[in-house]
Amino acid sequence: VVLSRASVWWLLTGRLGWSLQRPERR
């Protein structure tokens, strides 16, 4: 299935519950 960037974003955040995270610099 070919998905647009917006659809991939919705899949990750909406369906899978992922959130935007950035690693801590340590």
mmCIF file of all heavy atoms, coordinates in Angstrom:
data_MODEL
# 
_entry.id   MODEL 
# 
loop_
_atom_site.group_PDB 
_atom_site.id 
_atom_site.type_symbol 
_atom_site.label_atom_id 
_atom_site.label_alt_id 
_atom_site.label_comp_id 
_atom_site.label_asym_id 
_atom_site.label_entity_id 
_atom_site.label_seq_id 
_atom_site.pdbx_PDB_ins_code 
_atom_site.Cartn_x 
_atom_site.Cartn_y 
_atom_site.Cartn_z 
_atom_site.occupancy 
_atom_site.B_iso_or_equiv 
_atom_site.pdbx_formal_charge 
_atom_site.auth_seq_id 
_atom_site.auth_comp_id 
_atom_site.auth_asym_id 
_atom_site.auth_atom_id 
_atom_site.pdbx_PDB_model_num 
ATOM 1   N N   . VAL A 1 1  ? 0.854  -1.184 0.000  1.00 0.00 ? 1  VAL A N   1 
ATOM 2   C CA  . VAL A 1 1  ? 0.000  0.000  0.000  1.00 0.00 ? 1  VAL A CA  1 
ATOM 3   C C   . VAL A 1 1  ? 0.890  1.234  0.000  1.00 0.00 ? 1  VAL A C   1 
ATOM 4   O O   . VAL A 1 1  ? 1.809  1.344  0.809  1.00 0.00 ? 1  VAL A O   1 
ATOM 5   C CB  . VAL A 1 1  ? -0.905 0.019  1.260  1.00 0.00 ? 1  VAL A CB  1 
ATOM 6   C CG1 . VAL A 1 1  ? -1.757 1.266  1.301  1.00 0.00 ? 1  VAL A CG1 1 
ATOM 7   C CG2 . VAL A 1 1  ? -1.748 -1.230 1.320  1.00 0.00 ? 1  VAL A CG2 1 
ATOM 8   N N   . VAL A 1 2  ? 0.607  2.167  -0.899 1.00 0.00 ? 2  VAL A N   1 
ATOM 9   C CA  . VAL A 1 2  ? 1.358  3.421  -0.955 1.00 0.00 ? 2  VAL A CA  1 
ATOM 10  C C   . VAL A 1 2  ? 0.604  4.458  -0.136 1.00 0.00 ? 2  VAL A C   1 
ATOM 11  O O   . VAL A 1 2  ? -0.581 4.712  -0.382 1.00 0.00 ? 2  VAL A O   1 
ATOM 12  C CB  . VAL A 1 2  ? 1.522  3.911  -2.414 1.00 0.00 ? 2  VAL A CB  1 
ATOM 13  C CG1 . VAL A 1 2  ? 2.259  5.238  -2.440 1.00 0.00 ? 2  VAL A CG1 1 
ATOM 14  C CG2 . VAL A 1 2  ? 2.254  2.865  -3.234 1.00 0.00 ? 2  VAL A CG2 1 
ATOM 15  N N   . LEU A 1 3  ? 1.278  5.037  0.860  1.00 0.00 ? 3  LEU A N   1 
ATOM 16  C CA  . LEU A 1 3  ? 0.663  6.037  1.728  1.00 0.00 ? 3  LEU A CA  1 
ATOM 17  C C   . LEU A 1 3  ? 1.351  7.379  1.561  1.00 0.00 ? 3  LEU A C   1 
ATOM 18  O O   . LEU A 1 3  ? 2.569  7.445  1.351  1.00 0.00 ? 3  LEU A O   1 
ATOM 19  C CB  . LEU A 1 3  ? 0.770  5.617  3.197  1.00 0.00 ? 3  LEU A CB  1 
ATOM 20  C CG  . LEU A 1 3  ? 0.080  4.324  3.610  1.00 0.00 ? 3  LEU A CG  1 
ATOM 21  C CD1 . LEU A 1 3  ? 0.377  4.023  5.072  1.00 0.00 ? 3  LEU A CD1 1 
ATOM 22  C CD2 . LEU A 1 3  ? -1.410 4.414  3.390  1.00 0.00 ? 3  LEU A CD2 1 
ATOM 23  N N   . SER A 1 4  ? 0.591  8.462  1.690  1.00 0.00 ? 4  SER A N   1 
ATOM 24  C CA  . SER A 1 4  ? 1.175  9.801  1.689  1.00 0.00 ? 4  SER A CA  1 
ATOM 25  C C   . SER A 1 4  ? 1.864  10.029 3.030  1.00 0.00 ? 4  SER A C   1 
ATOM 26  O O   . SER A 1 4  ? 1.653  9.280  3.995  1.00 0.00 ? 4  SER A O   1 
ATOM 27  C CB  . SER A 1 4  ? 0.091  10.852 1.485  1.00 0.00 ? 4  SER A CB  1 
ATOM 28  O OG  . SER A 1 4  ? -0.770 10.893 2.619  1.00 0.00 ? 4  SER A OG  1 
ATOM 29  N N   . ARG A 1 5  ? 2.657  11.080 3.102  1.00 0.00 ? 5  ARG A N   1 
ATOM 30  C CA  . ARG A 1 5  ? 3.322  11.398 4.377  1.00 0.00 ? 5  ARG A CA  1 
ATOM 31  C C   . ARG A 1 5  ? 2.293  11.653 5.468  1.00 0.00 ? 5  ARG A C   1 
ATOM 32  O O   . ARG A 1 5  ? 2.464  11.243 6.614  1.00 0.00 ? 5  ARG A O   1 
ATOM 33  C CB  . ARG A 1 5  ? 4.233  12.609 4.216  1.00 0.00 ? 5  ARG A CB  1 
ATOM 34  C CG  . ARG A 1 5  ? 5.455  12.327 3.369  1.00 0.00 ? 5  ARG A CG  1 
ATOM 35  C CD  . ARG A 1 5  ? 6.342  13.522 3.247  1.00 0.00 ? 5  ARG A CD  1 
ATOM 36  N NE  . ARG A 1 5  ? 6.861  13.849 4.565  1.00 0.00 ? 5  ARG A NE  1 
ATOM 37  C CZ  . ARG A 1 5  ? 7.369  15.034 4.887  1.00 0.00 ? 5  ARG A CZ  1 
ATOM 38  N NH1 . ARG A 1 5  ? 7.461  15.976 4.000  1.00 0.00 ? 5  ARG A NH1 1 
ATOM 39  N NH2 . ARG A 1 5  ? 7.823  15.260 6.102  1.00 0.00 ? 5  ARG A NH2 1 
ATOM 40  N N   . ALA A 1 6  ? 1.199  12.342 5.116  1.00 0.00 ? 6  ALA A N   1 
ATOM 41  C CA  . ALA A 1 6  ? 0.151  12.630 6.102  1.00 0.00 ? 6  ALA A CA  1 
ATOM 42  C C   . ALA A 1 6  ? -0.492 11.343 6.597  1.00 0.00 ? 6  ALA A C   1 
ATOM 43  O O   . ALA A 1 6  ? -0.787 11.203 7.797  1.00 0.00 ? 6  ALA A O   1 
ATOM 44  C CB  . ALA A 1 6  ? -0.901 13.554 5.484  1.00 0.00 ? 6  ALA A CB  1 
ATOM 45  N N   . SER A 1 7  ? -0.692 10.396 5.697  1.00 0.00 ? 7  SER A N   1 
ATOM 46  C CA  . SER A 1 7  ? -1.293 9.122  6.094  1.00 0.00 ? 7  SER A CA  1 
ATOM 47  C C   . SER A 1 7  ? -0.362 8.321  6.993  1.00 0.00 ? 7  SER A C   1 
ATOM 48  O O   . SER A 1 7  ? -0.805 7.674  7.944  1.00 0.00 ? 7  SER A O   1 
ATOM 49  C CB  . SER A 1 7  ? -1.652 8.293  4.864  1.00 0.00 ? 7  SER A CB  1 
ATOM 50  O OG  . SER A 1 7  ? -2.661 8.929  4.127  1.00 0.00 ? 7  SER A OG  1 
ATOM 51  N N   . VAL A 1 8  ? 0.935  8.368  6.709  1.00 0.00 ? 8  VAL A N   1 
ATOM 52  C CA  . VAL A 1 8  ? 1.909  7.679  7.560  1.00 0.00 ? 8  VAL A CA  1 
ATOM 53  C C   . VAL A 1 8  ? 1.904  8.320  8.943  1.00 0.00 ? 8  VAL A C   1 
ATOM 54  O O   . VAL A 1 8  ? 1.910  7.626  9.966  1.00 0.00 ? 8  VAL A O   1 
ATOM 55  C CB  . VAL A 1 8  ? 3.317  7.710  6.940  1.00 0.00 ? 8  VAL A CB  1 
ATOM 56  C CG1 . VAL A 1 8  ? 4.356  7.171  7.917  1.00 0.00 ? 8  VAL A CG1 1 
ATOM 57  C CG2 . VAL A 1 8  ? 3.351  6.924  5.634  1.00 0.00 ? 8  VAL A CG2 1 
ATOM 58  N N   . TRP A 1 9  ? 1.862  9.657  8.999  1.00 0.00 ? 9  TRP A N   1 
ATOM 59  C CA  . TRP A 1 9  ? 1.826  10.368 10.276 1.00 0.00 ? 9  TRP A CA  1 
ATOM 60  C C   . TRP A 1 9  ? 0.581  9.958  11.061 1.00 0.00 ? 9  TRP A C   1 
ATOM 61  O O   . TRP A 1 9  ? 0.637  9.665  12.244 1.00 0.00 ? 9  TRP A O   1 
ATOM 62  C CB  . TRP A 1 9  ? 1.853  11.878 10.057 1.00 0.00 ? 9  TRP A CB  1 
ATOM 63  C CG  . TRP A 1 9  ? 1.770  12.655 11.328 1.00 0.00 ? 9  TRP A CG  1 
ATOM 64  C CD1 . TRP A 1 9  ? 0.702  13.327 11.818 1.00 0.00 ? 9  TRP A CD1 1 
ATOM 65  C CD2 . TRP A 1 9  ? 2.808  12.806 12.301 1.00 0.00 ? 9  TRP A CD2 1 
ATOM 66  N NE1 . TRP A 1 9  ? 0.995  13.897 13.023 1.00 0.00 ? 9  TRP A NE1 1 
ATOM 67  C CE2 . TRP A 1 9  ? 2.282  13.597 13.336 1.00 0.00 ? 9  TRP A CE2 1 
ATOM 68  C CE3 . TRP A 1 9  ? 4.117  12.357 12.382 1.00 0.00 ? 9  TRP A CE3 1 
ATOM 69  C CZ2 . TRP A 1 9  ? 3.042  13.935 14.449 1.00 0.00 ? 9  TRP A CZ2 1 
ATOM 70  C CZ3 . TRP A 1 9  ? 4.865  12.709 13.503 1.00 0.00 ? 9  TRP A CZ3 1 
ATOM 71  C CH2 . TRP A 1 9  ? 4.329  13.491 14.514 1.00 0.00 ? 9  TRP A CH2 1 
ATOM 72  N N   . TRP A 1 10 ? -0.588 9.919  10.392 1.00 0.00 ? 10 TRP A N   1 
ATOM 73  C CA  . TRP A 1 10 ? -1.820 9.523  11.062 1.00 0.00 ? 10 TRP A CA  1 
ATOM 74  C C   . TRP A 1 10 ? -1.730 8.076  11.557 1.00 0.00 ? 10 TRP A C   1 
ATOM 75  O O   . TRP A 1 10 ? -2.171 7.765  12.662 1.00 0.00 ? 10 TRP A O   1 
ATOM 76  C CB  . TRP A 1 10 ? -3.007 9.675  10.104 1.00 0.00 ? 10 TRP A CB  1 
ATOM 77  C CG  . TRP A 1 10 ? -4.284 9.237  10.738 1.00 0.00 ? 10 TRP A CG  1 
ATOM 78  C CD1 . TRP A 1 10 ? -5.090 9.975  11.549 1.00 0.00 ? 10 TRP A CD1 1 
ATOM 79  C CD2 . TRP A 1 10 ? -4.867 7.941  10.653 1.00 0.00 ? 10 TRP A CD2 1 
ATOM 80  N NE1 . TRP A 1 10 ? -6.163 9.208  11.969 1.00 0.00 ? 10 TRP A NE1 1 
ATOM 81  C CE2 . TRP A 1 10 ? -6.044 7.957  11.429 1.00 0.00 ? 10 TRP A CE2 1 
ATOM 82  C CE3 . TRP A 1 10 ? -4.520 6.776  9.999  1.00 0.00 ? 10 TRP A CE3 1 
ATOM 83  C CZ2 . TRP A 1 10 ? -6.869 6.840  11.562 1.00 0.00 ? 10 TRP A CZ2 1 
ATOM 84  C CZ3 . TRP A 1 10 ? -5.341 5.665  10.130 1.00 0.00 ? 10 TRP A CZ3 1 
ATOM 85  C CH2 . TRP A 1 10 ? -6.503 5.713  10.905 1.00 0.00 ? 10 TRP A CH2 1 
ATOM 86  N N   . LEU A 1 11 ? -1.139 7.201  10.743 1.00 0.00 ? 11 LEU A N   1 
ATOM 87  C CA  . LEU A 1 11 ? -0.992 5.801  11.141 1.00 0.00 ? 11 LEU A CA  1 
ATOM 88  C C   . LEU A 1 11 ? -0.163 5.679  12.420 1.00 0.00 ? 11 LEU A C   1 
ATOM 89  O O   . LEU A 1 11 ? -0.538 4.978  13.359 1.00 0.00 ? 11 LEU A O   1 
ATOM 90  C CB  . LEU A 1 11 ? -0.333 5.000  10.011 1.00 0.00 ? 11 LEU A CB  1 
ATOM 91  C CG  . LEU A 1 11 ? 0.005  3.541  10.307 1.00 0.00 ? 11 LEU A CG  1 
ATOM 92  C CD1 . LEU A 1 11 ? -1.267 2.731  10.468 1.00 0.00 ? 11 LEU A CD1 1 
ATOM 93  C CD2 . LEU A 1 11 ? 0.869  2.962  9.203  1.00 0.00 ? 11 LEU A CD2 1 
ATOM 94  N N   . LEU A 1 12 ? 0.959  6.388  12.451 1.00 0.00 ? 12 LEU A N   1 
ATOM 95  C CA  . LEU A 1 12 ? 1.848  6.291  13.613 1.00 0.00 ? 12 LEU A CA  1 
ATOM 96  C C   . LEU A 1 12 ? 1.246  6.935  14.854 1.00 0.00 ? 12 LEU A C   1 
ATOM 97  O O   . LEU A 1 12 ? 1.307  6.368  15.950 1.00 0.00 ? 12 LEU A O   1 
ATOM 98  C CB  . LEU A 1 12 ? 3.202  6.938  13.294 1.00 0.00 ? 12 LEU A CB  1 
ATOM 99  C CG  . LEU A 1 12 ? 4.035  6.250  12.224 1.00 0.00 ? 12 LEU A CG  1 
ATOM 100 C CD1 . LEU A 1 12 ? 5.294  7.051  11.942 1.00 0.00 ? 12 LEU A CD1 1 
ATOM 101 C CD2 . LEU A 1 12 ? 4.384  4.836  12.613 1.00 0.00 ? 12 LEU A CD2 1 
ATOM 102 N N   . THR A 1 13 ? 0.678  8.128  14.709 1.00 0.00 ? 13 THR A N   1 
ATOM 103 C CA  . THR A 1 13 ? 0.183  8.853  15.884 1.00 0.00 ? 13 THR A CA  1 
ATOM 104 C C   . THR A 1 13 ? -1.244 8.488  16.246 1.00 0.00 ? 13 THR A C   1 
ATOM 105 O O   . THR A 1 13 ? -1.561 8.305  17.416 1.00 0.00 ? 13 THR A O   1 
ATOM 106 C CB  . THR A 1 13 ? 0.279  10.375 15.666 1.00 0.00 ? 13 THR A CB  1 
ATOM 107 O OG1 . THR A 1 13 ? -0.499 10.735 14.516 1.00 0.00 ? 13 THR A OG1 1 
ATOM 108 C CG2 . THR A 1 13 ? 1.712  10.817 15.493 1.00 0.00 ? 13 THR A CG2 1 
ATOM 109 N N   . GLY A 1 14 ? -2.111 8.387  15.248 1.00 0.00 ? 14 GLY A N   1 
ATOM 110 C CA  . GLY A 1 14 ? -3.527 8.129  15.517 1.00 0.00 ? 14 GLY A CA  1 
ATOM 111 C C   . GLY A 1 14 ? -3.830 6.682  15.814 1.00 0.00 ? 14 GLY A C   1 
ATOM 112 O O   . GLY A 1 14 ? -4.492 6.359  16.802 1.00 0.00 ? 14 GLY A O   1 
ATOM 113 N N   . ARG A 1 15 ? -3.359 5.787  14.974 1.00 0.00 ? 15 ARG A N   1 
ATOM 114 C CA  . ARG A 1 15 ? -3.691 4.368  15.123 1.00 0.00 ? 15 ARG A CA  1 
ATOM 115 C C   . ARG A 1 15 ? -2.778 3.657  16.116 1.00 0.00 ? 15 ARG A C   1 
ATOM 116 O O   . ARG A 1 15 ? -3.236 2.817  16.879 1.00 0.00 ? 15 ARG A O   1 
ATOM 117 C CB  . ARG A 1 15 ? -3.608 3.659  13.779 1.00 0.00 ? 15 ARG A CB  1 
ATOM 118 C CG  . ARG A 1 15 ? -4.626 4.097  12.776 1.00 0.00 ? 15 ARG A CG  1 
ATOM 119 C CD  . ARG A 1 15 ? -5.976 3.523  13.036 1.00 0.00 ? 15 ARG A CD  1 
ATOM 120 N NE  . ARG A 1 15 ? -5.965 2.098  12.730 1.00 0.00 ? 15 ARG A NE  1 
ATOM 121 C CZ  . ARG A 1 15 ? -6.961 1.293  12.991 1.00 0.00 ? 15 ARG A CZ  1 
ATOM 122 N NH1 . ARG A 1 15 ? -8.046 1.751  13.539 1.00 0.00 ? 15 ARG A NH1 1 
ATOM 123 N NH2 . ARG A 1 15 ? -6.891 0.023  12.698 1.00 0.00 ? 15 ARG A NH2 1 
ATOM 124 N N   . LEU A 1 16 ? -1.484 3.960  16.069 1.00 0.00 ? 16 LEU A N   1 
ATOM 125 C CA  . LEU A 1 16 ? -0.535 3.236  16.920 1.00 0.00 ? 16 LEU A CA  1 
ATOM 126 C C   . LEU A 1 16 ? -0.216 3.958  18.223 1.00 0.00 ? 16 LEU A C   1 
ATOM 127 O O   . LEU A 1 16 ? 0.436  3.399  19.097 1.00 0.00 ? 16 LEU A O   1 
ATOM 128 C CB  . LEU A 1 16 ? 0.762  2.961  16.138 1.00 0.00 ? 16 LEU A CB  1 
ATOM 129 C CG  . LEU A 1 16 ? 0.589  2.105  14.885 1.00 0.00 ? 16 LEU A CG  1 
ATOM 130 C CD1 . LEU A 1 16 ? 1.920  1.965  14.162 1.00 0.00 ? 16 LEU A CD1 1 
ATOM 131 C CD2 . LEU A 1 16 ? 0.034  0.738  15.232 1.00 0.00 ? 16 LEU A CD2 1 
ATOM 132 N N   . GLY A 1 17 ? -0.641 5.209  18.351 1.00 0.00 ? 17 GLY A N   1 
ATOM 133 C CA  . GLY A 1 17 ? -0.447 5.952  19.597 1.00 0.00 ? 17 GLY A CA  1 
ATOM 134 C C   . GLY A 1 17 ? 0.966  6.443  19.842 1.00 0.00 ? 17 GLY A C   1 
ATOM 135 O O   . GLY A 1 17 ? 1.317  6.779  20.964 1.00 0.00 ? 17 GLY A O   1 
ATOM 136 N N   . TRP A 1 18 ? 1.776  6.480  18.777 1.00 0.00 ? 18 TRP A N   1 
ATOM 137 C CA  . TRP A 1 18 ? 3.138  6.980  18.942 1.00 0.00 ? 18 TRP A CA  1 
ATOM 138 C C   . TRP A 1 18 ? 3.102  8.494  19.133 1.00 0.00 ? 18 TRP A C   1 
ATOM 139 O O   . TRP A 1 18 ? 2.156  9.165  18.743 1.00 0.00 ? 18 TRP A O   1 
ATOM 140 C CB  . TRP A 1 18 ? 3.993  6.654  17.722 1.00 0.00 ? 18 TRP A CB  1 
ATOM 141 C CG  . TRP A 1 18 ? 4.330  5.206  17.583 1.00 0.00 ? 18 TRP A CG  1 
ATOM 142 C CD1 . TRP A 1 18 ? 3.728  4.155  18.189 1.00 0.00 ? 18 TRP A CD1 1 
ATOM 143 C CD2 . TRP A 1 18 ? 5.350  4.641  16.759 1.00 0.00 ? 18 TRP A CD2 1 
ATOM 144 N NE1 . TRP A 1 18 ? 4.301  2.972  17.808 1.00 0.00 ? 18 TRP A NE1 1 
ATOM 145 C CE2 . TRP A 1 18 ? 5.300  3.257  16.928 1.00 0.00 ? 18 TRP A CE2 1 
ATOM 146 C CE3 . TRP A 1 18 ? 6.284  5.180  15.896 1.00 0.00 ? 18 TRP A CE3 1 
ATOM 147 C CZ2 . TRP A 1 18 ? 6.169  2.404  16.265 1.00 0.00 ? 18 TRP A CZ2 1 
ATOM 148 C CZ3 . TRP A 1 18 ? 7.143  4.335  15.235 1.00 0.00 ? 18 TRP A CZ3 1 
ATOM 149 C CH2 . TRP A 1 18 ? 7.096  2.962  15.426 1.00 0.00 ? 18 TRP A CH2 1 
ATOM 150 N N   . SER A 1 19 ? 4.162  9.032  19.738 1.00 0.00 ? 19 SER A N   1 
ATOM 151 C CA  . SER A 1 19 ? 4.270  10.477 19.913 1.00 0.00 ? 19 SER A CA  1 
ATOM 152 C C   . SER A 1 19 ? 5.634  10.936 19.429 1.00 0.00 ? 19 SER A C   1 
ATOM 153 O O   . SER A 1 19 ? 6.574  10.149 19.341 1.00 0.00 ? 19 SER A O   1 
ATOM 154 C CB  . SER A 1 19 ? 4.076  10.857 21.385 1.00 0.00 ? 19 SER A CB  1 
ATOM 155 O OG  . SER A 1 19 ? 5.104  10.294 22.166 1.00 0.00 ? 19 SER A OG  1 
ATOM 156 N N   . LEU A 1 20 ? 5.700  12.215 19.108 1.00 0.00 ? 20 LEU A N   1 
ATOM 157 C CA  . LEU A 1 20 ? 6.959  12.801 18.669 1.00 0.00 ? 20 LEU A CA  1 
ATOM 158 C C   . LEU A 1 20 ? 7.882  12.904 19.877 1.00 0.00 ? 20 LEU A C   1 
ATOM 159 O O   . LEU A 1 20 ? 7.542  13.533 20.876 1.00 0.00 ? 20 LEU A O   1 
ATOM 160 C CB  . LEU A 1 20 ? 6.721  14.179 18.068 1.00 0.00 ? 20 LEU A CB  1 
ATOM 161 C CG  . LEU A 1 20 ? 7.945  14.913 17.555 1.00 0.00 ? 20 LEU A CG  1 
ATOM 162 C CD1 . LEU A 1 20 ? 8.602  14.128 16.424 1.00 0.00 ? 20 LEU A CD1 1 
ATOM 163 C CD2 . LEU A 1 20 ? 7.568  16.297 17.088 1.00 0.00 ? 20 LEU A CD2 1 
ATOM 164 N N   . GLN A 1 21 ? 9.017  12.247 19.806 1.00 0.00 ? 21 GLN A N   1 
ATOM 165 C CA  . GLN A 1 21 ? 9.972  12.272 20.911 1.00 0.00 ? 21 GLN A CA  1 
ATOM 166 C C   . GLN A 1 21 ? 11.346 12.607 20.370 1.00 0.00 ? 21 GLN A C   1 
ATOM 167 O O   . GLN A 1 21 ? 11.701 12.223 19.270 1.00 0.00 ? 21 GLN A O   1 
ATOM 168 C CB  . GLN A 1 21 ? 10.024 10.919 21.605 1.00 0.00 ? 21 GLN A CB  1 
ATOM 169 C CG  . GLN A 1 21 ? 8.719  10.525 22.215 1.00 0.00 ? 21 GLN A CG  1 
ATOM 170 C CD  . GLN A 1 21 ? 8.790  9.155  22.860 1.00 0.00 ? 21 GLN A CD  1 
ATOM 171 O OE1 . GLN A 1 21 ? 9.813  8.489  22.831 1.00 0.00 ? 21 GLN A OE1 1 
ATOM 172 N NE2 . GLN A 1 21 ? 7.692  8.733  23.447 1.00 0.00 ? 21 GLN A NE2 1 
ATOM 173 N N   . ARG A 1 22 ? 12.087 13.306 21.152 1.00 0.00 ? 22 ARG A N   1 
ATOM 174 C CA  . ARG A 1 22 ? 13.458 13.636 20.787 1.00 0.00 ? 22 ARG A CA  1 
ATOM 175 C C   . ARG A 1 22 ? 14.378 13.079 21.882 1.00 0.00 ? 22 ARG A C   1 
ATOM 176 O O   . ARG A 1 22 ? 14.068 13.194 23.060 1.00 0.00 ? 22 ARG A O   1 
ATOM 177 C CB  . ARG A 1 22 ? 13.647 15.132 20.675 1.00 0.00 ? 22 ARG A CB  1 
ATOM 178 C CG  . ARG A 1 22 ? 12.705 15.750 19.656 1.00 0.00 ? 22 ARG A CG  1 
ATOM 179 C CD  . ARG A 1 22 ? 13.208 17.081 19.195 1.00 0.00 ? 22 ARG A CD  1 
ATOM 180 N NE  . ARG A 1 22 ? 12.242 17.727 18.344 1.00 0.00 ? 22 ARG A NE  1 
ATOM 181 C CZ  . ARG A 1 22 ? 12.154 17.555 17.041 1.00 0.00 ? 22 ARG A CZ  1 
ATOM 182 N NH1 . ARG A 1 22 ? 12.963 16.727 16.451 1.00 0.00 ? 22 ARG A NH1 1 
ATOM 183 N NH2 . ARG A 1 22 ? 11.261 18.199 16.332 1.00 0.00 ? 22 ARG A NH2 1 
ATOM 184 N N   . PRO A 1 23 ? 15.492 12.488 21.504 1.00 0.00 ? 23 PRO A N   1 
ATOM 185 C CA  . PRO A 1 23 ? 16.396 11.935 22.515 1.00 0.00 ? 23 PRO A CA  1 
ATOM 186 C C   . PRO A 1 23 ? 17.035 13.040 23.365 1.00 0.00 ? 23 PRO A C   1 
ATOM 187 O O   . PRO A 1 23 ? 17.284 14.141 22.875 1.00 0.00 ? 23 PRO A O   1 
ATOM 188 C CB  . PRO A 1 23 ? 17.455 11.199 21.692 1.00 0.00 ? 23 PRO A CB  1 
ATOM 189 C CG  . PRO A 1 23 ? 17.410 11.832 20.356 1.00 0.00 ? 23 PRO A CG  1 
ATOM 190 C CD  . PRO A 1 23 ? 16.001 12.301 20.150 1.00 0.00 ? 23 PRO A CD  1 
ATOM 191 N N   . GLU A 1 24 ? 17.257 12.743 24.628 1.00 0.00 ? 24 GLU A N   1 
ATOM 192 C CA  . GLU A 1 24 ? 17.961 13.675 25.492 1.00 0.00 ? 24 GLU A CA  1 
ATOM 193 C C   . GLU A 1 24 ? 19.441 13.616 25.163 1.00 0.00 ? 24 GLU A C   1 
ATOM 194 O O   . GLU A 1 24 ? 19.982 12.544 24.893 1.00 0.00 ? 24 GLU A O   1 
ATOM 195 C CB  . GLU A 1 24 ? 17.775 13.286 26.961 1.00 0.00 ? 24 GLU A CB  1 
ATOM 196 C CG  . GLU A 1 24 ? 16.386 13.507 27.466 1.00 0.00 ? 24 GLU A CG  1 
ATOM 197 C CD  . GLU A 1 24 ? 16.282 13.216 28.950 1.00 0.00 ? 24 GLU A CD  1 
ATOM 198 O OE1 . GLU A 1 24 ? 17.320 13.279 29.642 1.00 0.00 ? 24 GLU A OE1 1 
ATOM 199 O OE2 . GLU A 1 24 ? 15.181 12.922 29.394 1.00 0.00 ? 24 GLU A OE2 1 
ATOM 200 N N   . ARG A 1 25 ? 20.068 14.751 25.188 1.00 0.00 ? 25 ARG A N   1 
ATOM 201 C CA  . ARG A 1 25 ? 21.501 14.779 24.926 1.00 0.00 ? 25 ARG A CA  1 
ATOM 202 C C   . ARG A 1 25 ? 22.226 14.659 26.259 1.00 0.00 ? 25 ARG A C   1 
ATOM 203 O O   . ARG A 1 25 ? 22.121 15.537 27.105 1.00 0.00 ? 25 ARG A O   1 
ATOM 204 C CB  . ARG A 1 25 ? 21.878 16.058 24.206 1.00 0.00 ? 25 ARG A CB  1 
ATOM 205 C CG  . ARG A 1 25 ? 21.196 16.100 22.837 1.00 0.00 ? 25 ARG A CG  1 
ATOM 206 C CD  . ARG A 1 25 ? 21.815 17.057 21.896 1.00 0.00 ? 25 ARG A CD  1 
ATOM 207 N NE  . ARG A 1 25 ? 23.237 16.975 21.819 1.00 0.00 ? 25 ARG A NE  1 
ATOM 208 C CZ  . ARG A 1 25 ? 23.918 16.450 20.803 1.00 0.00 ? 25 ARG A CZ  1 
ATOM 209 N NH1 . ARG A 1 25 ? 23.291 15.950 19.800 1.00 0.00 ? 25 ARG A NH1 1 
ATOM 210 N NH2 . ARG A 1 25 ? 25.233 16.439 20.804 1.00 0.00 ? 25 ARG A NH2 1 
ATOM 211 N N   . ARG A 1 26 ? 22.888 13.559 26.478 1.00 0.00 ? 26 ARG A N   1 
ATOM 212 C CA  . ARG A 1 26 ? 23.602 13.287 27.719 1.00 0.00 ? 26 ARG A CA  1 
ATOM 213 C C   . ARG A 1 26 ? 24.918 12.630 27.418 1.00 0.00 ? 26 ARG A C   1 
ATOM 214 O O   . ARG A 1 26 ? 25.014 11.798 26.518 1.00 0.00 ? 26 ARG A O   1 
ATOM 215 C CB  . ARG A 1 26 ? 22.810 12.305 28.552 1.00 0.00 ? 26 ARG A CB  1 
ATOM 216 C CG  . ARG A 1 26 ? 22.152 12.955 29.698 1.00 0.00 ? 26 ARG A CG  1 
ATOM 217 C CD  . ARG A 1 26 ? 21.419 11.967 30.519 1.00 0.00 ? 26 ARG A CD  1 
ATOM 218 N NE  . ARG A 1 26 ? 20.340 12.734 31.065 1.00 0.00 ? 26 ARG A NE  1 
ATOM 219 C CZ  . ARG A 1 26 ? 19.790 12.521 32.202 1.00 0.00 ? 26 ARG A CZ  1 
ATOM 220 N NH1 . ARG A 1 26 ? 20.102 11.477 32.880 1.00 0.00 ? 26 ARG A NH1 1 
ATOM 221 N NH2 . ARG A 1 26 ? 18.876 13.304 32.653 1.00 0.00 ? 26 ARG A NH2 1 
# 
